[in-house]
Amino acid sequence: MAARVCWNHPELSRQGIDQTRLVIDQGNDTVGIDDAFHFLVLGDSGTGRHRLHSPPRRIAERLLPHKSAAAFLLHTGDVVYLVGAMDQYRANFLRPYREWLHYGKDWKTISPEGLMFNQPFLPVLGNHDYYDLSLPVALIAGLTLPFRRHLQWFDDIDAGWRGSRQGEAYACVFLDVLNRIPPVKLSDHLKLHYNAVWDGHRCLRYRPGVNTRLPNRYYRFQHAGVDVFALDSNTLITPDQATNNQRNLRRDLRTLEERQSVVYRRLASSSLDENHRDDLFDELETLQEECFDLQRQIKQINQLKQSEWVDHEQLEWLKEGLIRSHRDRSVRGRILTMHHPAYVTEKTKCGQADTKAIRRQMRDVFDAVVLALGEDLGQARPVDLVLSGHAHCLEVIRSHDTGHADSHINWVICGGSGYGLRAQRREGAELTEQTVDGNSKVVATSELFIGRNWPAAGGRDSYSGLRVDIAEGRPLSIRLTPLVSCRDSNGWLDADPESIRLRM
């Protein structure tokens, strides 16, 4: 990704450009630092496999009444499944979100590359936006593509000829890919689009309908006195030291692939009804995700030195950014968005090594921020809200006293916007950790969980997006409004859970 955006290119340095910031152009509107506003959130949405109904489109329609007045939309990652392939963007992204596109009425013909939005649409990278198909799978997917058009079940796997090419498709759609600009034109491009000023540095000006590229894979922006930090959490996770044995990883991978083969054979049956077929796809999606995660761990161990497993540059950027944000008296709050959650009770993600790794990384950063600020921090938290995805649900979690600076923070997961939903773990809403003396301590509690077989909807699968309202004035006040649509054999049924005012 660094090469694609010409990270630290001499011309960017010469012009004093910060590639990690952007300023959203407000047009003729004037936004005060204490004004009220709202924004929208989506995550884990990019599937096109459903033939008779489209969960991503349904949730987009739930967000539409809130769109016109929204300050921006955050996407928590996994924009396109299964491997972030460019040839999946039209069906899996352009079609469901066409109202956010400039010239969206032409979604069937416009190119996903160089996409332009009519309102700020601000994603972070998910793990599926980085994935690549292995060579055997790529050959099967590509060579059978025309034939798959006649096999409904196989056409719905969300795989084309290619994977993401290590995030290249995502970069071409969302990022300002400077390495595609001829060197003789780079200076003029930077002068034209990087003409906003923030803290004495030039940065990208994000202009809906004109230029809606992002400057980097992680970035920061501000609206009405609230700083938003968007991370690439894919480079912050590390293989679990306890599972670094490649032999064990490869054995687990073979087991998962065998289980996938069984599901494929069951899907080939012509006697399946739609509900049974969807259940099998949900099982297949879980197995595919687990396979890709194991492949990623094996590749990471093989190709990188252990010292390179973690993106320390990004963590340092976040730490320094939070410190500066707290010292800026015009800032009234801080929101962090990234793909991988630090706290989650969704059954397939709660025990993952990735979840534990992100929790460790955030704790280290937040501890360092508190240490640097000392008494200047007062009663404030390092951040007021953390938004993530990855877990296929909508969940609101509150951390307790963890013994670290991630205590008493609101952690919200918005990852139920289209791909296969997951249920909450059987152990329930409380997350525990083992203390140094061997006792179990509750460190966080899930206060809302909406996903597969949601009890409040009579056991229906319940997809979701989110509206987040920031109240006028100080101290910061945040209210969440879940936007939910439930699915069963009879069709769609919208649900309107009560709004939640977060404890700050």
Protein backbone atom coordinates (compact mmCIF):
# COMPACT_ATOMS: atom_id res chain seq x y z
CA MET A 1 0.00 0.00 0.00
CA ALA A 2 2.86 2.38 0.79
CA ALA A 3 4.17 2.16 -2.78
CA ARG A 4 0.71 2.80 -4.23
CA VAL A 5 0.30 6.13 -2.43
CA CYS A 6 4.01 7.06 -2.86
CA TRP A 7 4.43 7.12 0.91
CA ASN A 8 7.09 9.67 1.96
CA HIS A 9 7.84 10.61 -1.65
CA PRO A 10 10.30 13.53 -1.84
CA GLU A 11 7.77 15.71 -3.67
CA LEU A 12 5.23 15.26 -0.87
CA SER A 13 7.87 16.17 1.68
CA ARG A 14 8.95 19.18 -0.37
CA GLN A 15 5.38 20.50 -0.45
CA GLY A 16 4.89 19.87 3.29
CA ILE A 17 2.06 17.36 2.83
CA ASP A 18 0.76 15.10 5.60
CA GLN A 19 -0.59 11.95 3.92
CA THR A 20 -2.52 10.82 7.00
CA ARG A 21 -4.98 13.71 7.22
CA LEU A 22 -7.88 14.92 5.15
CA VAL A 23 -10.24 17.86 5.37
CA ILE A 24 -13.82 17.30 4.23
CA ASP A 25 -15.00 20.23 2.13
CA GLN A 26 -18.29 21.57 3.53
CA GLY A 27 -19.22 23.63 0.48
CA ASN A 28 -21.28 26.63 1.53
CA ASP A 29 -22.13 25.16 4.93
CA THR A 30 -20.51 26.47 8.09
CA VAL A 31 -19.87 23.90 10.82
CA GLY A 32 -19.21 25.08 14.37
CA ILE A 33 -16.89 23.15 16.67
CA ASP A 34 -19.75 22.39 19.09
CA ASP A 35 -22.54 21.79 16.54
CA ALA A 36 -24.80 18.73 16.63
CA PHE A 37 -24.49 16.26 13.76
CA HIS A 38 -25.02 12.62 12.89
CA PHE A 39 -23.21 10.07 10.78
CA LEU A 40 -23.96 6.55 9.51
CA VAL A 41 -22.07 3.27 9.92
CA LEU A 42 -21.95 0.06 7.84
CA GLY A 43 -19.69 -2.95 7.96
CA ASP A 44 -18.99 -6.41 6.55
CA SER A 45 -21.46 -5.80 3.78
CA GLY A 46 -19.94 -6.73 0.45
CA THR A 47 -21.79 -9.85 -0.64
CA GLY A 48 -23.75 -10.42 -3.83
CA ARG A 49 -24.63 -14.06 -3.27
CA HIS A 50 -28.32 -13.66 -2.38
CA ARG A 51 -30.49 -14.10 -5.47
CA LEU A 52 -34.00 -13.52 -4.14
CA HIS A 53 -33.08 -10.84 -1.60
CA SER A 54 -30.08 -8.63 -0.91
CA PRO A 55 -29.20 -7.86 2.73
CA PRO A 56 -26.68 -5.13 1.75
CA ARG A 57 -29.29 -3.40 -0.38
CA ARG A 58 -31.93 -3.74 2.33
CA ILE A 59 -29.69 -2.10 4.93
CA ALA A 60 -28.72 0.62 2.45
CA GLU A 61 -32.44 1.35 2.08
CA ARG A 62 -32.73 1.53 5.88
CA LEU A 63 -30.00 4.18 5.91
CA LEU A 64 -31.37 6.23 3.01
CA PRO A 65 -33.88 8.32 5.08
CA HIS A 66 -30.92 9.42 7.24
CA LYS A 67 -28.52 10.05 4.33
CA SER A 68 -29.19 13.62 3.21
CA ALA A 69 -28.39 15.23 6.56
CA ALA A 70 -25.56 12.86 7.51
CA ALA A 71 -22.12 14.42 7.89
CA PHE A 72 -20.43 11.27 6.57
CA LEU A 73 -20.66 7.47 6.41
CA LEU A 74 -18.08 5.16 7.98
CA HIS A 75 -17.60 1.63 6.63
CA THR A 76 -15.86 -0.69 9.11
CA GLY A 77 -14.29 -2.89 6.43
CA ASP A 78 -14.81 -5.98 4.27
CA VAL A 79 -16.25 -3.79 1.56
CA VAL A 80 -16.27 -6.66 -0.96
CA TYR A 81 -16.30 -10.41 -0.30
CA LEU A 82 -14.80 -12.89 -0.56
CA VAL A 83 -11.35 -11.70 -1.54
CA GLY A 84 -11.83 -8.03 -2.39
CA ALA A 85 -11.75 -8.75 -6.13
CA MET A 86 -12.31 -5.89 -8.57
CA ASP A 87 -14.74 -7.98 -10.64
CA GLN A 88 -17.00 -8.29 -7.58
CA TYR A 89 -17.30 -4.54 -6.92
CA ARG A 90 -20.17 -3.86 -9.31
CA ALA A 91 -22.55 -6.45 -7.85
CA ASN A 92 -21.34 -6.30 -4.27
CA PHE A 93 -20.72 -2.57 -3.80
CA LEU A 94 -21.94 -0.33 -6.63
CA ARG A 95 -25.36 -1.93 -6.84
CA PRO A 96 -26.35 -1.76 -3.13
CA TYR A 97 -24.85 1.69 -2.46
CA ARG A 98 -25.65 3.47 -5.73
CA GLU A 99 -27.36 6.42 -3.99
CA TRP A 100 -24.00 7.37 -2.47
CA LEU A 101 -22.28 7.39 -5.87
CA HIS A 102 -21.82 10.37 -8.13
CA TYR A 103 -23.70 9.29 -11.28
CA GLY A 104 -25.04 6.36 -9.26
CA LYS A 105 -27.92 5.89 -11.69
CA ASP A 106 -25.27 4.56 -14.09
CA TRP A 107 -23.93 1.97 -11.62
CA LYS A 108 -24.25 -0.77 -14.24
CA THR A 109 -21.74 0.90 -16.54
CA ILE A 110 -19.44 3.18 -14.51
CA SER A 111 -16.03 1.82 -13.62
CA PRO A 112 -15.33 0.96 -9.98
CA GLU A 113 -11.86 2.44 -10.46
CA GLY A 114 -11.82 6.14 -9.79
CA LEU A 115 -15.14 5.93 -8.00
CA MET A 116 -16.60 9.24 -6.83
CA PHE A 117 -19.11 9.79 -4.03
CA ASN A 118 -21.75 12.48 -3.62
CA GLN A 119 -21.32 12.39 0.17
CA PRO A 120 -18.32 11.43 2.29
CA PHE A 121 -18.06 7.63 2.22
CA LEU A 122 -15.09 6.70 4.40
CA PRO A 123 -14.03 3.04 4.73
CA VAL A 124 -11.24 1.19 6.48
CA LEU A 125 -9.58 -1.94 5.14
CA GLY A 126 -11.01 -5.27 6.24
CA ASN A 127 -9.19 -8.59 6.09
CA HIS A 128 -11.23 -9.63 3.03
CA ASP A 129 -10.18 -6.43 1.25
CA TYR A 130 -6.59 -7.72 1.46
CA TYR A 131 -7.09 -11.41 0.67
CA ASP A 132 -5.92 -13.22 -2.46
CA LEU A 133 -7.20 -16.49 -3.87
CA SER A 134 -4.72 -19.33 -3.82
CA LEU A 135 -3.76 -20.47 -7.32
CA PRO A 136 -5.95 -23.63 -7.37
CA VAL A 137 -8.99 -21.73 -6.13
CA ALA A 138 -8.35 -18.89 -8.57
CA LEU A 139 -8.23 -21.32 -11.48
CA ILE A 140 -11.42 -23.05 -10.40
CA ALA A 141 -13.19 -19.73 -9.82
CA GLY A 142 -12.03 -18.15 -13.06
CA LEU A 143 -12.31 -21.07 -15.47
CA THR A 144 -15.76 -22.01 -14.23
CA LEU A 145 -17.14 -18.47 -14.12
CA PRO A 146 -19.26 -18.68 -17.33
CA PHE A 147 -20.48 -22.16 -16.36
CA ARG A 148 -21.29 -20.98 -12.84
CA ARG A 149 -23.86 -18.59 -14.27
CA HIS A 150 -25.96 -21.71 -14.80
CA LEU A 151 -25.26 -23.13 -11.35
CA GLN A 152 -27.02 -20.80 -8.94
CA TRP A 153 -25.40 -22.12 -5.77
CA PHE A 154 -21.84 -21.89 -7.10
CA ASP A 155 -22.33 -18.45 -8.61
CA ASP A 156 -23.13 -17.12 -5.15
CA ILE A 157 -19.73 -17.82 -3.57
CA ASP A 158 -18.51 -14.26 -4.29
CA ALA A 159 -15.32 -15.28 -6.10
CA GLY A 160 -14.09 -14.24 -9.54
CA TRP A 161 -10.82 -14.66 -11.41
CA ARG A 162 -8.69 -12.73 -8.96
CA GLY A 163 -8.27 -11.83 -5.37
CA SER A 164 -7.57 -8.34 -4.13
CA ARG A 165 -3.89 -8.45 -5.16
CA GLN A 166 -2.94 -7.45 -1.63
CA GLY A 167 -5.48 -4.65 -1.50
CA GLU A 168 -4.90 -3.29 -5.01
CA ALA A 169 -8.61 -3.34 -5.88
CA TYR A 170 -9.50 -1.44 -2.70
CA ALA A 171 -6.73 1.08 -3.40
CA CYS A 172 -7.93 1.69 -6.96
CA VAL A 173 -11.48 2.31 -5.75
CA PHE A 174 -10.87 4.37 -2.61
CA LEU A 175 -7.28 5.66 -2.37
CA ASP A 176 -5.38 8.38 -4.19
CA VAL A 177 -3.03 6.03 -6.05
CA LEU A 178 -0.20 8.45 -6.71
CA ASN A 179 2.11 5.90 -8.31
CA ARG A 180 -0.21 5.82 -11.34
CA ILE A 181 0.32 9.53 -11.96
CA PRO A 182 3.18 10.35 -14.36
CA PRO A 183 6.09 11.89 -12.40
CA VAL A 184 5.92 15.10 -14.44
CA LYS A 185 2.29 15.61 -13.36
CA LEU A 186 2.64 14.67 -9.68
CA SER A 187 3.46 18.17 -8.46
CA ASP A 188 0.42 19.70 -10.17
CA HIS A 189 -1.83 16.93 -8.83
CA LEU A 190 -0.67 17.60 -5.28
CA LYS A 191 -1.17 21.35 -5.63
CA LEU A 192 -4.69 20.79 -6.95
CA HIS A 193 -5.98 18.24 -4.44
CA TYR A 194 -3.74 18.62 -1.37
CA ASN A 195 -4.52 22.28 -0.75
CA ALA A 196 -6.18 22.10 2.68
CA VAL A 197 -4.16 23.18 5.72
CA TRP A 198 -4.29 21.51 9.16
CA ASP A 199 -1.84 22.37 11.95
CA GLY A 200 0.47 24.04 9.49
CA HIS A 201 0.62 21.04 7.13
CA ARG A 202 -1.04 20.68 3.78
CA CYS A 203 -3.33 17.69 3.36
CA LEU A 204 -5.91 16.24 1.00
CA ARG A 205 -9.15 18.14 0.50
CA TYR A 206 -12.03 15.64 0.24
CA ARG A 207 -14.66 17.17 -2.07
CA PRO A 208 -17.87 15.19 -2.73
CA GLY A 209 -18.62 15.10 -6.44
CA VAL A 210 -15.11 16.35 -7.28
CA ASN A 211 -12.43 14.32 -5.49
CA THR A 212 -13.33 11.65 -2.96
CA ARG A 213 -10.07 9.75 -2.73
CA LEU A 214 -8.46 8.92 0.60
CA PRO A 215 -4.79 9.80 1.11
CA ASN A 216 -3.67 6.60 2.81
CA ARG A 217 -4.74 3.25 4.26
CA TYR A 218 -5.00 4.91 7.69
CA TYR A 219 -6.02 8.51 8.15
CA ARG A 220 -7.57 11.16 10.37
CA PHE A 221 -10.23 13.84 9.89
CA GLN A 222 -12.28 16.19 12.04
CA HIS A 223 -15.91 17.29 12.08
CA ALA A 224 -17.56 19.74 14.47
CA GLY A 225 -14.85 19.40 17.09
CA VAL A 226 -14.68 15.58 16.95
CA ASP A 227 -11.48 13.88 15.76
CA VAL A 228 -11.95 10.60 13.87
CA PHE A 229 -8.99 8.21 13.56
CA ALA A 230 -9.36 5.46 10.92
CA LEU A 231 -6.92 2.55 11.23
CA ASP A 232 -5.75 -0.34 9.09
CA SER A 233 -5.97 -3.02 11.78
CA ASN A 234 -4.79 -5.76 9.39
CA THR A 235 -1.19 -4.75 10.00
CA LEU A 236 -1.65 -4.57 13.78
CA ILE A 237 -2.50 -8.24 14.34
CA THR A 238 0.14 -10.89 14.96
CA PRO A 239 0.14 -14.69 14.85
CA ASP A 240 -0.56 -16.03 18.33
CA GLN A 241 2.73 -17.22 19.84
CA ALA A 242 0.96 -20.36 21.07
CA THR A 243 -0.12 -21.28 17.53
CA ASN A 244 2.99 -20.40 15.56
CA ASN A 245 3.80 -24.04 14.79
CA GLN A 246 3.37 -24.20 11.03
CA ARG A 247 2.75 -27.93 11.10
CA ASN A 248 -0.26 -27.42 13.37
CA LEU A 249 -1.52 -24.52 11.28
CA ARG A 250 -1.32 -26.53 8.07
CA ARG A 251 -3.05 -29.48 9.72
CA ASP A 252 -5.88 -27.21 10.85
CA LEU A 253 -6.08 -25.76 7.35
CA ARG A 254 -6.44 -29.22 5.77
CA THR A 255 -9.22 -30.06 8.22
CA LEU A 256 -11.11 -26.89 7.30
CA GLU A 257 -10.68 -27.56 3.58
CA GLU A 258 -12.10 -31.07 4.03
CA ARG A 259 -15.10 -29.64 5.87
CA GLN A 260 -15.60 -27.16 3.02
CA SER A 261 -15.63 -30.02 0.51
CA VAL A 262 -18.46 -31.65 2.42
CA VAL A 263 -20.49 -28.43 2.30
CA TYR A 264 -19.81 -28.02 -1.43
CA ARG A 265 -21.15 -31.50 -2.10
CA ARG A 266 -24.28 -30.78 -0.06
CA LEU A 267 -24.80 -27.52 -1.95
CA ALA A 268 -24.73 -29.41 -5.25
CA SER A 269 -27.99 -31.12 -4.34
CA SER A 270 -30.86 -29.87 -6.50
CA SER A 271 -33.43 -30.61 -3.79
CA LEU A 272 -32.37 -27.84 -1.38
CA ASP A 273 -34.91 -25.19 -0.45
CA GLU A 274 -33.75 -21.58 -0.08
CA ASN A 275 -33.57 -21.61 3.72
CA HIS A 276 -31.50 -24.81 3.86
CA ARG A 277 -29.28 -23.47 1.11
CA ASP A 278 -28.71 -20.21 3.02
CA ASP A 279 -27.81 -22.19 6.16
CA LEU A 280 -25.20 -24.11 4.19
CA PHE A 281 -23.82 -20.87 2.76
CA ASP A 282 -23.53 -19.44 6.27
CA GLU A 283 -21.56 -22.54 7.30
CA LEU A 284 -19.40 -22.27 4.17
CA GLU A 285 -18.70 -18.59 4.79
CA THR A 286 -17.50 -19.33 8.31
CA LEU A 287 -15.19 -22.08 7.06
CA GLN A 288 -13.86 -19.88 4.25
CA GLU A 289 -13.06 -17.07 6.66
CA GLU A 290 -11.24 -19.44 8.99
CA CYS A 291 -9.25 -20.84 6.05
CA PHE A 292 -8.19 -17.40 4.88
CA ASP A 293 -7.15 -16.42 8.40
CA LEU A 294 -4.97 -19.53 8.71
CA GLN A 295 -3.45 -18.90 5.27
CA ARG A 296 -2.70 -15.33 6.34
CA GLN A 297 -0.94 -16.52 9.51
CA ILE A 298 1.15 -19.06 7.60
CA LYS A 299 2.13 -16.45 5.02
CA GLN A 300 2.97 -13.91 7.72
CA ILE A 301 5.23 -16.38 9.52
CA ASN A 302 6.95 -17.42 6.26
CA GLN A 303 7.52 -14.01 4.71
CA LEU A 304 8.11 -11.60 7.58
CA LYS A 305 10.58 -11.36 10.41
CA GLN A 306 8.91 -11.39 13.80
CA SER A 307 9.92 -7.74 14.30
CA GLU A 308 7.93 -6.88 11.15
CA TRP A 309 4.68 -8.54 12.23
CA VAL A 310 3.35 -5.35 13.80
CA ASP A 311 3.01 -1.96 12.08
CA HIS A 312 4.73 0.10 14.77
CA GLU A 313 4.72 3.20 12.56
CA GLN A 314 0.91 3.26 12.52
CA LEU A 315 0.68 2.66 16.29
CA GLU A 316 3.08 5.53 16.93
CA TRP A 317 1.01 7.73 14.60
CA LEU A 318 -2.13 6.90 16.58
CA LYS A 319 -0.46 7.55 19.92
CA GLU A 320 0.97 10.92 18.87
CA GLY A 321 -2.30 11.88 17.18
CA LEU A 322 -4.33 11.17 20.31
CA ILE A 323 -1.90 13.12 22.47
CA ARG A 324 -2.08 16.15 20.16
CA SER A 325 -5.86 15.83 19.97
CA HIS A 326 -6.21 15.95 23.76
CA ARG A 327 -3.96 18.99 23.95
CA ASP A 328 -6.09 20.82 21.37
CA ARG A 329 -8.78 22.61 23.39
CA SER A 330 -10.99 23.01 20.32
CA VAL A 331 -11.47 19.22 20.17
CA ARG A 332 -14.36 17.88 22.26
CA GLY A 333 -14.15 14.17 21.45
CA ARG A 334 -12.33 11.34 19.73
CA ILE A 335 -13.69 8.39 17.74
CA LEU A 336 -11.59 5.45 16.55
CA THR A 337 -12.67 3.19 13.69
CA MET A 338 -10.97 -0.02 12.53
CA HIS A 339 -11.98 -3.43 11.23
CA HIS A 340 -10.92 -5.85 13.97
CA PRO A 341 -12.64 -5.55 17.37
CA ALA A 342 -10.81 -5.57 20.68
CA TYR A 343 -13.86 -6.78 22.59
CA VAL A 344 -16.60 -8.98 21.10
CA THR A 345 -18.97 -11.79 22.14
CA GLU A 346 -19.85 -13.02 18.61
CA LYS A 347 -19.11 -16.73 18.76
CA THR A 348 -16.58 -17.00 15.91
CA LYS A 349 -14.51 -13.93 16.85
CA CYS A 350 -14.50 -13.72 20.66
CA GLY A 351 -11.67 -16.22 21.12
CA GLN A 352 -9.62 -15.36 18.03
CA ALA A 353 -5.95 -14.55 18.39
CA ASP A 354 -6.60 -11.45 16.25
CA THR A 355 -9.10 -10.12 18.81
CA LYS A 356 -6.63 -10.60 21.65
CA ALA A 357 -3.84 -9.00 19.61
CA ILE A 358 -5.88 -5.87 18.85
CA ARG A 359 -6.83 -5.58 22.53
CA ARG A 360 -3.15 -5.70 23.51
CA GLN A 361 -2.19 -3.12 20.89
CA MET A 362 -4.95 -0.69 21.89
CA ARG A 363 -4.10 -1.08 25.56
CA ASP A 364 -0.45 -0.30 24.92
CA VAL A 365 -1.33 2.81 22.90
CA PHE A 366 -3.93 4.07 25.37
CA ASP A 367 -1.60 3.43 28.33
CA ALA A 368 1.11 5.45 26.58
CA VAL A 369 -1.34 8.31 25.87
CA VAL A 370 -2.41 8.47 29.53
CA LEU A 371 1.21 8.38 30.67
CA ALA A 372 2.19 11.21 28.33
CA LEU A 373 -0.76 13.45 29.24
CA GLY A 374 -0.74 12.86 32.98
CA GLU A 375 -3.00 15.27 34.85
CA ASP A 376 -3.81 17.11 31.61
CA LEU A 377 -6.14 14.25 30.67
CA GLY A 378 -8.40 14.93 33.65
CA GLN A 379 -11.48 12.67 33.62
CA ALA A 380 -11.35 12.08 29.85
CA ARG A 381 -10.70 8.70 28.23
CA PRO A 382 -8.09 8.25 25.48
CA VAL A 383 -11.04 7.80 23.07
CA ASP A 384 -14.79 8.19 23.54
CA LEU A 385 -15.98 5.55 21.08
CA VAL A 386 -14.39 2.69 19.15
CA LEU A 387 -16.23 1.44 16.04
CA SER A 388 -15.23 -1.84 14.41
CA GLY A 389 -16.56 -4.67 12.26
CA HIS A 390 -15.23 -8.18 11.46
CA ALA A 391 -17.80 -9.84 13.74
CA HIS A 392 -21.03 -10.24 11.77
CA CYS A 393 -23.42 -8.59 14.19
CA LEU A 394 -24.29 -5.27 15.80
CA GLU A 395 -22.94 -5.16 19.33
CA VAL A 396 -22.51 -2.52 22.03
CA ILE A 397 -19.90 -3.37 24.66
CA ARG A 398 -18.74 -1.42 27.70
CA SER A 399 -15.34 -2.21 29.19
CA HIS A 400 -14.95 -2.19 32.97
CA ASP A 401 -11.82 -1.69 35.06
CA THR A 402 -9.24 -3.63 33.06
CA GLY A 403 -6.23 -2.29 34.93
CA HIS A 404 -5.32 -0.35 31.80
CA ALA A 405 -6.35 2.81 29.96
CA ASP A 406 -8.92 0.92 27.88
CA SER A 407 -11.22 0.88 30.94
CA HIS A 408 -14.76 2.32 30.80
CA ILE A 409 -14.77 2.83 27.02
CA ASN A 410 -17.64 2.23 24.57
CA TRP A 411 -16.81 -0.44 21.97
CA VAL A 412 -19.38 -0.77 19.18
CA ILE A 413 -19.29 -3.43 16.46
CA CYS A 414 -21.18 -2.74 13.24
CA GLY A 415 -20.48 -5.79 11.11
CA GLY A 416 -23.94 -7.09 10.32
CA SER A 417 -24.69 -5.10 7.17
CA GLY A 418 -24.93 -7.89 4.63
CA TYR A 419 -22.63 -10.88 4.90
CA GLY A 420 -23.59 -14.08 6.76
CA LEU A 421 -24.71 -13.25 10.29
CA ARG A 422 -23.31 -14.87 13.41
CA ALA A 423 -24.82 -15.59 16.82
CA GLN A 424 -23.61 -14.58 20.25
CA ARG A 425 -21.46 -17.12 22.07
CA ARG A 426 -23.16 -19.51 24.48
CA GLU A 427 -21.13 -18.22 27.42
CA GLY A 428 -23.14 -15.00 27.31
CA ALA A 429 -22.47 -11.29 27.56
CA GLU A 430 -19.59 -11.07 30.05
CA LEU A 431 -15.98 -11.15 28.86
CA THR A 432 -13.37 -12.26 31.36
CA GLU A 433 -9.60 -12.35 31.65
CA GLN A 434 -7.34 -14.26 33.97
CA THR A 435 -5.52 -12.16 36.56
CA VAL A 436 -1.92 -12.71 37.65
CA ASP A 437 -3.12 -14.66 40.71
CA GLY A 438 -5.12 -17.04 38.52
CA ASN A 439 -8.58 -15.64 39.21
CA SER A 440 -11.15 -14.72 36.56
CA LYS A 441 -12.08 -11.06 36.20
CA VAL A 442 -14.94 -9.53 34.18
CA VAL A 443 -13.39 -6.88 31.91
CA ALA A 444 -16.32 -6.03 29.61
CA THR A 445 -20.05 -6.62 29.19
CA SER A 446 -22.14 -6.76 26.03
CA GLU A 447 -25.16 -4.47 26.43
CA LEU A 448 -26.77 -5.15 23.04
CA PHE A 449 -26.32 -7.95 20.51
CA ILE A 450 -28.22 -8.13 17.20
CA GLY A 451 -27.37 -10.81 14.67
CA ARG A 452 -28.34 -14.34 13.78
CA ASN A 453 -31.57 -15.64 15.34
CA TRP A 454 -32.14 -12.38 17.24
CA PRO A 455 -34.60 -13.19 20.07
CA ALA A 456 -36.23 -9.74 19.98
CA ALA A 457 -37.27 -10.44 16.37
CA GLY A 458 -38.69 -13.87 17.09
CA GLY A 459 -35.45 -15.63 16.17
CA ARG A 460 -35.16 -13.98 12.75
CA ASP A 461 -31.77 -13.22 11.21
CA SER A 462 -31.35 -9.49 11.77
CA TYR A 463 -29.07 -7.34 9.60
CA SER A 464 -28.09 -3.85 10.69
CA GLY A 465 -26.56 -0.46 10.12
CA LEU A 466 -26.17 2.36 12.60
CA ARG A 467 -26.92 6.04 13.04
CA VAL A 468 -24.65 7.88 15.49
CA ASP A 469 -25.80 11.26 16.83
CA ILE A 470 -23.41 13.73 18.43
CA ALA A 471 -25.30 16.27 20.54
CA GLU A 472 -24.59 19.99 20.53
CA GLY A 473 -22.16 21.34 23.09
CA ARG A 474 -19.84 19.89 25.70
CA PRO A 475 -19.15 17.46 27.29
CA LEU A 476 -19.52 15.05 24.40
CA SER A 477 -22.84 13.18 24.25
CA ILE A 478 -23.36 10.25 21.85
CA ARG A 479 -26.57 8.43 20.98
CA LEU A 480 -26.76 5.23 18.89
CA THR A 481 -29.78 4.32 16.78
CA PRO A 482 -29.69 0.76 15.35
CA LEU A 483 -31.26 0.48 11.88
CA VAL A 484 -32.36 -3.14 11.63
CA SER A 485 -34.10 -5.34 9.08
CA CYS A 486 -35.00 -8.96 9.84
CA ARG A 487 -35.30 -11.81 7.38
CA ASP A 488 -37.28 -15.04 7.40
CA SER A 489 -39.00 -17.24 4.82
CA ASN A 490 -41.83 -14.70 4.51
CA GLY A 491 -39.58 -11.78 3.61
CA TRP A 492 -38.25 -8.66 5.33
CA LEU A 493 -39.48 -7.01 8.51
CA ASP A 494 -37.93 -3.77 9.77
CA ALA A 495 -37.22 -3.37 13.48
CA ASP A 496 -36.58 -0.18 15.42
CA PRO A 497 -34.79 -0.88 18.71
CA GLU A 498 -34.65 1.98 21.19
CA SER A 499 -31.79 4.43 20.82
CA ILE A 500 -28.92 4.08 23.29
CA ARG A 501 -27.27 7.02 24.98
CA LEU A 502 -23.70 6.02 25.72
CA ARG A 503 -22.16 6.54 29.11
CA MET A 504 -19.18 8.83 28.76
